[in-house]
PDB file of N, CA and C in Angstrom:
ATOM      1  N   UNK A   1      -9.023 -11.599 -14.282  1.00  0.00           N
ATOM      2  CA  UNK A   1      -7.689 -12.094 -13.746  1.00  0.00           C
ATOM      3  C   UNK A   1      -6.784 -12.463 -15.231  1.00  0.00           C
ATOM      4  N   UNK A   2      -7.789 -13.110 -15.905  1.00  0.00           N
ATOM      5  CA  UNK A   2      -7.195 -13.497 -17.243  1.00  0.00           C
ATOM      6  C   UNK A   2      -6.438 -12.310 -17.953  1.00  0.00           C
ATOM      7  N   UNK A   3      -7.226 -10.912 -17.831  1.00  0.00           N
ATOM      8  CA  UNK A   3      -6.621  -9.838 -18.676  1.00  0.00           C
ATOM      9  C   UNK A   3      -5.545  -9.471 -17.833  1.00  0.00           C
ATOM     10  N   UNK A   4      -5.155  -9.583 -16.551  1.00  0.00           N
ATOM     11  CA  UNK A   4      -3.950  -9.371 -15.884  1.00  0.00           C
ATOM     12  C   UNK A   4      -3.154 -10.329 -16.404  1.00  0.00           C
ATOM     13  N   UNK A   5      -3.160 -11.496 -16.543  1.00  0.00           N
ATOM     14  CA  UNK A   5      -2.209 -12.562 -16.869  1.00  0.00           C
ATOM     15  C   UNK A   5      -1.835 -12.331 -18.093  1.00  0.00           C
ATOM     16  N   UNK A   6      -2.767 -11.921 -19.061  1.00  0.00           N
ATOM     17  CA  UNK A   6      -2.417 -11.695 -20.434  1.00  0.00           C
ATOM     18  C   UNK A   6      -1.550 -10.681 -20.749  1.00  0.00           C
ATOM     19  N   UNK A   7      -1.822  -9.392 -19.924  1.00  0.00           N
ATOM     20  CA  UNK A   7      -1.001  -8.391 -20.006  1.00  0.00           C
ATOM     21  C   UNK A   7       0.345  -8.549 -19.502  1.00  0.00           C
ATOM     22  N   UNK A   8       0.452  -9.299 -18.421  1.00  0.00           N
ATOM     23  CA  UNK A   8       2.134  -9.617 -17.889  1.00  0.00           C
ATOM     24  C   UNK A   8       2.648 -10.306 -18.830  1.00  0.00           C
ATOM     25  N   UNK A   9       2.148 -11.420 -19.467  1.00  0.00           N
ATOM     26  CA  UNK A   9       2.817 -12.039 -20.525  1.00  0.00           C
ATOM     27  C   UNK A   9       3.208 -11.014 -21.529  1.00  0.00           C
ATOM     28  N   UNK A  10       2.336 -10.114 -22.128  1.00  0.00           N
ATOM     29  CA  UNK A  10       2.625  -9.146 -22.969  1.00  0.00           C
ATOM     30  C   UNK A  10       3.609  -8.417 -22.717  1.00  0.00           C
ATOM     31  N   UNK A  11       3.965  -7.984 -21.479  1.00  0.00           N
ATOM     32  CA  UNK A  11       4.902  -7.368 -20.965  1.00  0.00           C
ATOM     33  C   UNK A  11       6.260  -8.136 -20.971  1.00  0.00           C
ATOM     34  N   UNK A  12       6.184  -9.272 -20.780  1.00  0.00           N
ATOM     35  CA  UNK A  12       7.354 -10.046 -20.607  1.00  0.00           C
ATOM     36  C   UNK A  12       7.962 -10.492 -22.079  1.00  0.00           C
ATOM     37  N   UNK A  13       6.919 -10.724 -22.834  1.00  0.00           N
ATOM     38  CA  UNK A  13       7.445 -10.883 -24.492  1.00  0.00           C
ATOM     39  C   UNK A  13       8.261  -9.506 -24.970  1.00  0.00           C
ATOM     40  N   UNK A  14       7.671  -8.541 -24.408  1.00  0.00           N
ATOM     41  CA  UNK A  14       8.325  -7.113 -25.016  1.00  0.00           C
ATOM     42  C   UNK A  14       9.892  -7.042 -24.387  1.00  0.00           C
ATOM     43  N   UNK A  15       9.823  -7.251 -23.072  1.00  0.00           N
ATOM     44  CA  UNK A  15      11.027  -7.345 -22.089  1.00  0.00           C
ATOM     45  C   UNK A  15      12.148  -8.162 -22.472  1.00  0.00           C
ATOM     46  N   UNK A  16      11.512  -9.389 -23.051  1.00  0.00           N
ATOM     47  CA  UNK A  16      12.733 -10.185 -23.495  1.00  0.00           C
ATOM     48  C   UNK A  16      12.915 -10.116 -24.930  1.00  0.00           C
ATOM     49  N   UNK A  17      12.396  -9.072 -25.746  1.00  0.00           N
ATOM     50  CA  UNK A  17      12.714  -9.050 -27.210  1.00  0.00           C
ATOM     51  C   UNK A  17      12.307  -9.767 -28.035  1.00  0.00           C
ATOM     52  N   UNK A  18      11.072 -10.475 -27.846  1.00  0.00           N
ATOM     53  CA  UNK A  18      10.463 -11.530 -28.757  1.00  0.00           C
ATOM     54  C   UNK A  18       9.204 -10.674 -29.218  1.00  0.00           C
ATOM     55  N   UNK A  19       8.999  -9.495 -29.241  1.00  0.00           N
ATOM     56  CA  UNK A  19       7.924  -8.822 -29.606  1.00  0.00           C
ATOM     57  C   UNK A  19       7.561  -9.148 -31.217  1.00  0.00           C
ATOM     58  N   UNK A  20       8.469  -9.250 -31.844  1.00  0.00           N
ATOM     59  CA  UNK A  20       8.371  -9.626 -33.241  1.00  0.00           C
ATOM     60  C   UNK A  20       7.802 -10.990 -33.786  1.00  0.00           C
ATOM     61  N   UNK A  21       7.892 -11.646 -32.720  1.00  0.00           N
ATOM     62  CA  UNK A  21       7.333 -13.259 -32.869  1.00  0.00           C
ATOM     63  C   UNK A  21       5.943 -13.196 -32.777  1.00  0.00           C
ATOM     64  N   UNK A  22       5.194 -12.019 -32.296  1.00  0.00           N
ATOM     65  CA  UNK A  22       3.853 -12.386 -32.021  1.00  0.00           C
ATOM     66  C   UNK A  22       3.208 -11.081 -32.679  1.00  0.00           C
ATOM     67  N   UNK A  23       4.096  -9.828 -33.261  1.00  0.00           N
ATOM     68  CA  UNK A  23       3.642  -8.791 -33.773  1.00  0.00           C
ATOM     69  C   UNK A  23       4.427  -8.351 -34.899  1.00  0.00           C
ATOM     70  N   UNK A  24       4.201  -8.829 -36.178  1.00  0.00           N
ATOM     71  CA  UNK A  24       4.961  -8.474 -37.263  1.00  0.00           C
ATOM     72  C   UNK A  24       5.157  -7.031 -37.654  1.00  0.00           C
ATOM     73  N   UNK A  25       4.186  -6.547 -37.367  1.00  0.00           N
ATOM     74  CA  UNK A  25       4.063  -5.123 -37.687  1.00  0.00           C
ATOM     75  C   UNK A  25       4.304  -4.233 -36.626  1.00  0.00           C
ATOM     76  N   UNK A  26       5.438  -3.806 -36.197  1.00  0.00           N
ATOM     77  CA  UNK A  26       5.701  -3.244 -34.888  1.00  0.00           C
ATOM     78  C   UNK A  26       4.999  -2.127 -34.576  1.00  0.00           C
ATOM     79  N   UNK A  27       4.583  -1.107 -35.528  1.00  0.00           N
ATOM     80  CA  UNK A  27       3.915   0.291 -35.420  1.00  0.00           C
ATOM     81  C   UNK A  27       2.484   0.144 -35.425  1.00  0.00           C
ATOM     82  N   UNK A  28       1.981  -1.103 -35.462  1.00  0.00           N
ATOM     83  CA  UNK A  28       0.552  -1.400 -35.427  1.00  0.00           C
ATOM     84  C   UNK A  28      -0.338  -0.783 -34.243  1.00  0.00           C
ATOM     85  N   UNK A  29       0.456  -0.889 -33.041  1.00  0.00           N
ATOM     86  CA  UNK A  29      -0.324  -0.289 -32.027  1.00  0.00           C
ATOM     87  C   UNK A  29      -0.938  -1.408 -31.125  1.00  0.00           C
ATOM     88  N   UNK A  30      -0.375  -2.674 -31.035  1.00  0.00           N
ATOM     89  CA  UNK A  30      -0.950  -3.758 -30.446  1.00  0.00           C
ATOM     90  C   UNK A  30      -0.805  -3.382 -28.651  1.00  0.00           C
ATOM     91  N   UNK A  31      -1.671  -3.803 -27.936  1.00  0.00           N
ATOM     92  CA  UNK A  31      -1.619  -3.686 -26.490  1.00  0.00           C
ATOM     93  C   UNK A  31      -0.812  -4.795 -26.035  1.00  0.00           C
ATOM     94  N   UNK A  32      -0.335  -4.461 -24.647  1.00  0.00           N
ATOM     95  CA  UNK A  32       0.076  -5.648 -23.823  1.00  0.00           C
ATOM     96  C   UNK A  32      -0.650  -6.912 -23.966  1.00  0.00           C
ATOM     97  N   UNK A  33      -2.291  -6.581 -23.678  1.00  0.00           N
ATOM     98  CA  UNK A  33      -2.884  -7.644 -23.837  1.00  0.00           C
ATOM     99  C   UNK A  33      -3.004  -8.455 -24.995  1.00  0.00           C
ATOM    100  N   UNK A  34      -3.063  -7.458 -26.217  1.00  0.00           N
ATOM    101  CA  UNK A  34      -3.144  -8.399 -27.554  1.00  0.00           C
ATOM    102  C   UNK A  34      -1.990  -9.064 -27.716  1.00  0.00           C
ATOM    103  N   UNK A  35      -0.627  -8.617 -27.404  1.00  0.00           N
ATOM    104  CA  UNK A  35       0.410  -9.292 -27.550  1.00  0.00           C
ATOM    105  C   UNK A  35       0.683 -10.445 -26.597  1.00  0.00           C
ATOM    106  N   UNK A  36       0.179 -10.638 -25.280  1.00  0.00           N
ATOM    107  CA  UNK A  36       0.165 -11.589 -24.473  1.00  0.00           C
ATOM    108  C   UNK A  36      -0.950 -12.784 -25.152  1.00  0.00           C
ATOM    109  N   UNK A  37      -1.795 -12.287 -25.767  1.00  0.00           N
ATOM    110  CA  UNK A  37      -3.058 -13.125 -26.282  1.00  0.00           C
ATOM    111  C   UNK A  37      -2.466 -13.994 -27.464  1.00  0.00           C
ATOM    112  N   UNK A  38      -1.483 -13.103 -28.191  1.00  0.00           N
ATOM    113  CA  UNK A  38      -0.642 -13.952 -29.461  1.00  0.00           C
ATOM    114  C   UNK A  38       0.427 -14.873 -28.845  1.00  0.00           C
ATOM    115  N   UNK A  39       0.753 -14.431 -27.856  1.00  0.00           N
ATOM    116  CA  UNK A  39       1.867 -15.337 -27.196  1.00  0.00           C
ATOM    117  C   UNK A  39       1.217 -16.683 -26.818  1.00  0.00           C
ATOM    118  N   UNK A  40       0.072 -16.359 -26.092  1.00  0.00           N
ATOM    119  CA  UNK A  40      -0.772 -17.704 -25.628  1.00  0.00           C
ATOM    120  C   UNK A  40      -1.091 -18.592 -26.751  1.00  0.00           C
ATOM    121  N   UNK A  41      -1.422 -17.957 -27.905  1.00  0.00           N
ATOM    122  CA  UNK A  41      -1.794 -18.721 -29.110  1.00  0.00           C
ATOM    123  C   UNK A  41      -0.494 -19.563 -29.698  1.00  0.00           C
ATOM    124  N   UNK A  42       0.879 -18.998 -29.392  1.00  0.00           N
ATOM    125  CA  UNK A  42       1.670 -19.318 -29.900  1.00  0.00           C
ATOM    126  C   UNK A  42       2.110 -20.444 -28.978  1.00  0.00           C
ATOM    127  N   UNK A  43       1.883 -20.410 -27.784  1.00  0.00           N
ATOM    128  CA  UNK A  43       2.286 -21.356 -26.602  1.00  0.00           C
ATOM    129  C   UNK A  43       1.569 -22.778 -27.143  1.00  0.00           C
ATOM    130  N   UNK A  44       0.153 -22.297 -27.484  1.00  0.00           N
ATOM    131  CA  UNK A  44      -0.747 -23.699 -27.918  1.00  0.00           C
ATOM    132  C   UNK A  44      -0.369 -24.032 -29.057  1.00  0.00           C
ATOM    133  N   UNK A  45      -0.052 -23.606 -30.058  1.00  0.00           N
ATOM    134  CA  UNK A  45       0.243 -24.023 -31.477  1.00  0.00           C
ATOM    135  C   UNK A  45       1.581 -24.192 -31.791  1.00  0.00           C
ATOM    136  N   UNK A  46       2.422 -23.474 -31.263  1.00  0.00           N
ATOM    137  CA  UNK A  46       3.815 -23.572 -31.818  1.00  0.00           C
ATOM    138  C   UNK A  46       4.868 -24.115 -30.627  1.00  0.00           C
ATOM    139  N   UNK A  47       4.138 -24.577 -29.534  1.00  0.00           N
ATOM    140  CA  UNK A  47       4.998 -25.078 -28.554  1.00  0.00           C
ATOM    141  C   UNK A  47       6.080 -24.202 -27.609  1.00  0.00           C
ATOM    142  N   UNK A  48       5.695 -22.883 -27.548  1.00  0.00           N
ATOM    143  CA  UNK A  48       6.547 -21.946 -26.990  1.00  0.00           C
ATOM    144  C   UNK A  48       5.978 -22.067 -25.261  1.00  0.00           C
ATOM    145  N   UNK A  49       6.589 -21.506 -24.453  1.00  0.00           N
ATOM    146  CA  UNK A  49       6.567 -21.614 -23.005  1.00  0.00           C
ATOM    147  C   UNK A  49       6.143 -20.361 -22.670  1.00  0.00           C
ATOM    148  N   UNK A  50       4.893 -20.256 -21.671  1.00  0.00           N
ATOM    149  CA  UNK A  50       4.556 -19.013 -20.996  1.00  0.00           C
ATOM    150  C   UNK A  50       5.601 -18.929 -19.779  1.00  0.00           C
ATOM    151  N   UNK A  51       5.658 -17.570 -19.741  1.00  0.00           N
ATOM    152  CA  UNK A  51       6.701 -16.948 -18.730  1.00  0.00           C
ATOM    153  C   UNK A  51       6.013 -17.297 -17.358  1.00  0.00           C
ATOM    154  N   UNK A  52       6.978 -17.692 -16.239  1.00  0.00           N
ATOM    155  CA  UNK A  52       6.762 -18.402 -15.183  1.00  0.00           C
ATOM    156  C   UNK A  52       6.284 -17.222 -14.106  1.00  0.00           C
ATOM    157  N   UNK A  53       7.067 -16.288 -14.393  1.00  0.00           N
ATOM    158  CA  UNK A  53       6.844 -15.129 -13.401  1.00  0.00           C
ATOM    159  C   UNK A  53       5.612 -14.132 -13.642  1.00  0.00           C
ATOM    160  N   UNK A  54       4.935 -13.723 -12.611  1.00  0.00           N
ATOM    161  CA  UNK A  54       3.918 -12.576 -12.939  1.00  0.00           C
ATOM    162  C   UNK A  54       4.080 -11.774 -12.028  1.00  0.00           C
ATOM    163  N   UNK A  55       4.906 -10.730 -13.016  1.00  0.00           N
ATOM    164  CA  UNK A  55       5.188  -9.340 -12.465  1.00  0.00           C
ATOM    165  C   UNK A  55       4.980  -8.302 -13.356  1.00  0.00           C
ATOM    166  N   UNK A  56       4.015  -7.426 -12.958  1.00  0.00           N
ATOM    167  CA  UNK A  56       3.416  -6.309 -13.548  1.00  0.00           C
ATOM    168  C   UNK A  56       4.363  -5.231 -13.316  1.00  0.00           C
ATOM    169  N   UNK A  57       4.979  -4.805 -14.407  1.00  0.00           N
ATOM    170  CA  UNK A  57       5.884  -3.717 -14.214  1.00  0.00           C
ATOM    171  C   UNK A  57       5.266  -2.284 -14.604  1.00  0.00           C
ATOM    172  N   UNK A  58       5.685  -1.242 -13.965  1.00  0.00           N
ATOM    173  CA  UNK A  58       5.181   0.106 -14.094  1.00  0.00           C
ATOM    174  C   UNK A  58       6.350   0.897 -14.813  1.00  0.00           C
ATOM    175  N   UNK A  59       6.093   2.198 -14.982  1.00  0.00           N
ATOM    176  CA  UNK A  59       7.005   2.952 -15.708  1.00  0.00           C
ATOM    177  C   UNK A  59       6.491   3.272 -16.966  1.00  0.00           C
ATOM    178  N   UNK A  60       7.942   4.082 -17.736  1.00  0.00           N
ATOM    179  CA  UNK A  60       7.622   4.200 -19.127  1.00  0.00           C
ATOM    180  C   UNK A  60       7.941   2.891 -19.867  1.00  0.00           C
ATOM    181  N   UNK A  61       7.083   2.720 -20.974  1.00  0.00           N
ATOM    182  CA  UNK A  61       6.982   1.832 -21.896  1.00  0.00           C
ATOM    183  C   UNK A  61       8.432   1.756 -22.598  1.00  0.00           C
ATOM    184  N   UNK A  62       9.199   0.730 -22.757  1.00  0.00           N
ATOM    185  CA  UNK A  62      10.551   0.620 -23.441  1.00  0.00           C
ATOM    186  C   UNK A  62      10.336   0.702 -24.966  1.00  0.00           C
ATOM    187  N   UNK A  63       9.157   0.290 -25.377  1.00  0.00           N
ATOM    188  CA  UNK A  63       8.909   0.217 -26.715  1.00  0.00           C
ATOM    189  C   UNK A  63       7.629   0.707 -27.016  1.00  0.00           C
ATOM    190  N   UNK A  64       7.182   1.998 -26.954  1.00  0.00           N
ATOM    191  CA  UNK A  64       5.858   2.471 -27.220  1.00  0.00           C
ATOM    192  C   UNK A  64       5.225   2.026 -28.731  1.00  0.00           C
ATOM    193  N   UNK A  65       4.085   1.873 -28.786  1.00  0.00           N
ATOM    194  CA  UNK A  65       3.441   1.697 -30.122  1.00  0.00           C
ATOM    195  C   UNK A  65       3.376   2.711 -30.632  1.00  0.00           C
ATOM    196  N   UNK A  66       3.137   2.769 -31.922  1.00  0.00           N
ATOM    197  CA  UNK A  66       2.775   4.133 -32.683  1.00  0.00           C
ATOM    198  C   UNK A  66       1.787   4.010 -33.760  1.00  0.00           C
ATOM    199  N   UNK A  67       0.656   4.573 -33.456  1.00  0.00           N
ATOM    200  CA  UNK A  67      -0.521   4.683 -34.155  1.00  0.00           C
ATOM    201  C   UNK A  67      -0.494   4.608 -35.564  1.00  0.00           C
ATOM    202  N   UNK A  68       0.322   5.815 -35.854  1.00  0.00           N
ATOM    203  CA  UNK A  68       0.702   6.470 -37.198  1.00  0.00           C
ATOM    204  C   UNK A  68       1.950   7.275 -37.251  1.00  0.00           C
ATOM    205  N   UNK A  69       2.633   7.044 -38.266  1.00  0.00           N
ATOM    206  CA  UNK A  69       3.563   8.159 -38.489  1.00  0.00           C
ATOM    207  C   UNK A  69       3.328   9.571 -38.172  1.00  0.00           C
ATOM    208  N   UNK A  70       2.119   9.854 -38.894  1.00  0.00           N
ATOM    209  CA  UNK A  70       1.673  11.430 -38.826  1.00  0.00           C
ATOM    210  C   UNK A  70       1.431  11.790 -37.252  1.00  0.00           C
ATOM    211  N   UNK A  71       0.933  10.869 -36.526  1.00  0.00           N
ATOM    212  CA  UNK A  71       0.640  11.294 -35.156  1.00  0.00           C
ATOM    213  C   UNK A  71       1.977  11.097 -34.385  1.00  0.00           C
ATOM    214  N   UNK A  72       2.908  10.241 -34.666  1.00  0.00           N
ATOM    215  CA  UNK A  72       4.025  10.385 -33.813  1.00  0.00           C
ATOM    216  C   UNK A  72       4.883  11.722 -34.198  1.00  0.00           C
ATOM    217  N   UNK A  73       4.620  12.387 -35.538  1.00  0.00           N
ATOM    218  CA  UNK A  73       5.335  13.554 -35.786  1.00  0.00           C
ATOM    219  C   UNK A  73       4.800  14.597 -35.094  1.00  0.00           C
ATOM    220  N   UNK A  74       3.330  14.783 -34.715  1.00  0.00           N
ATOM    221  CA  UNK A  74       2.600  15.647 -34.180  1.00  0.00           C
ATOM    222  C   UNK A  74       2.829  15.553 -32.694  1.00  0.00           C
ATOM    223  N   UNK A  75       3.259  14.382 -32.252  1.00  0.00           N
ATOM    224  CA  UNK A  75       3.726  14.414 -30.872  1.00  0.00           C
ATOM    225  C   UNK A  75       4.697  15.443 -30.364  1.00  0.00           C
ATOM    226  N   UNK A  76       5.660  15.627 -31.159  1.00  0.00           N
ATOM    227  CA  UNK A  76       6.671  16.625 -30.774  1.00  0.00           C
ATOM    228  C   UNK A  76       6.331  17.811 -31.021  1.00  0.00           C
ATOM    229  N   UNK A  77       5.349  18.256 -31.768  1.00  0.00           N
ATOM    230  CA  UNK A  77       4.906  19.568 -32.290  1.00  0.00           C
ATOM    231  C   UNK A  77       4.016  20.146 -31.244  1.00  0.00           C
ATOM    232  N   UNK A  78       4.246  20.852 -30.247  1.00  0.00           N
ATOM    233  CA  UNK A  78       3.432  21.318 -29.282  1.00  0.00           C
ATOM    234  C   UNK A  78       3.177  22.762 -29.333  1.00  0.00           C
ATOM    235  N   UNK A  79       2.280  23.695 -28.824  1.00  0.00           N
ATOM    236  CA  UNK A  79       1.827  24.718 -29.070  1.00  0.00           C
ATOM    237  C   UNK A  79       1.462  25.062 -27.562  1.00  0.00           C
ATOM    238  N   UNK A  80       2.178  26.264 -27.032  1.00  0.00           N
ATOM    239  CA  UNK A  80       2.055  26.726 -25.660  1.00  0.00           C
ATOM    240  C   UNK A  80       1.532  28.385 -25.821  1.00  0.00           C
ATOM    241  N   UNK A  81       0.599  28.649 -25.020  1.00  0.00           N
ATOM    242  CA  UNK A  81       0.187  30.083 -24.987  1.00  0.00           C
ATOM    243  C   UNK A  81       0.209  30.617 -23.696  1.00  0.00           C
ATOM    244  N   UNK A  82       1.065  31.713 -23.725  1.00  0.00           N
ATOM    245  CA  UNK A  82       1.256  32.036 -22.045  1.00  0.00           C
ATOM    246  C   UNK A  82       0.680  33.345 -21.995  1.00  0.00           C
ATOM    247  N   UNK A  83      -0.223  33.180 -20.813  1.00  0.00           N
ATOM    248  CA  UNK A  83      -1.076  34.375 -20.862  1.00  0.00           C
ATOM    249  C   UNK A  83      -0.629  35.099 -19.586  1.00  0.00           C
ATOM    250  N   UNK A  84      -0.576  36.362 -19.240  1.00  0.00           N
ATOM    251  CA  UNK A  84      -0.146  36.991 -18.023  1.00  0.00           C
ATOM    252  C   UNK A  84      -1.053  38.176 -17.624  1.00  0.00           C
ATOM    253  N   UNK A  85      -1.646  38.216 -16.521  1.00  0.00           N
ATOM    254  CA  UNK A  85      -2.578  39.238 -15.983  1.00  0.00           C
ATOM    255  C   UNK A  85      -1.973  40.032 -15.244  1.00  0.00           C
ATOM    256  N   UNK A  86      -2.352  41.292 -15.117  1.00  0.00           N
ATOM    257  CA  UNK A  86      -1.902  42.123 -14.058  1.00  0.00           C
ATOM    258  C   UNK A  86      -3.285  42.892 -13.540  1.00  0.00           C
ATOM    259  N   UNK A  87      -3.586  42.658 -12.250  1.00  0.00           N
ATOM    260  CA  UNK A  87      -4.714  43.271 -11.698  1.00  0.00           C
ATOM    261  C   UNK A  87      -4.419  44.852 -11.035  1.00  0.00           C
ATOM    262  N   UNK A  88      -5.371  45.677 -11.375  1.00  0.00           N
ATOM    263  CA  UNK A  88      -5.095  47.212 -10.584  1.00  0.00           C
ATOM    264  C   UNK A  88      -5.329  46.812  -9.325  1.00  0.00           C
ATOM    265  N   UNK A  89      -4.190  47.458  -8.602  1.00  0.00           N
ATOM    266  CA  UNK A  89      -4.359  47.623  -7.266  1.00  0.00           C
ATOM    267  C   UNK A  89      -5.369  48.723  -6.624  1.00  0.00           C
TER     268      UNK A  89
END
């Protein structure tokens, strides 16, 4: 239950544009759980407020984390091999 709550809080942080408050290095690759955990710590120490709604959103990530710049560049470089077979009748 705690994992779900922190993940939802992390999604809400990203959706409201407050990711920089808890994740100074945007491309570090923090998960929604980690972002939610940092938000919870901010709520305890900096008097921020938890998001009242618990809505787990699906779909494409609006701001995906990038593990490294090299990995991000390789994402668009794909190789495909087409093989066709003809069987004798």
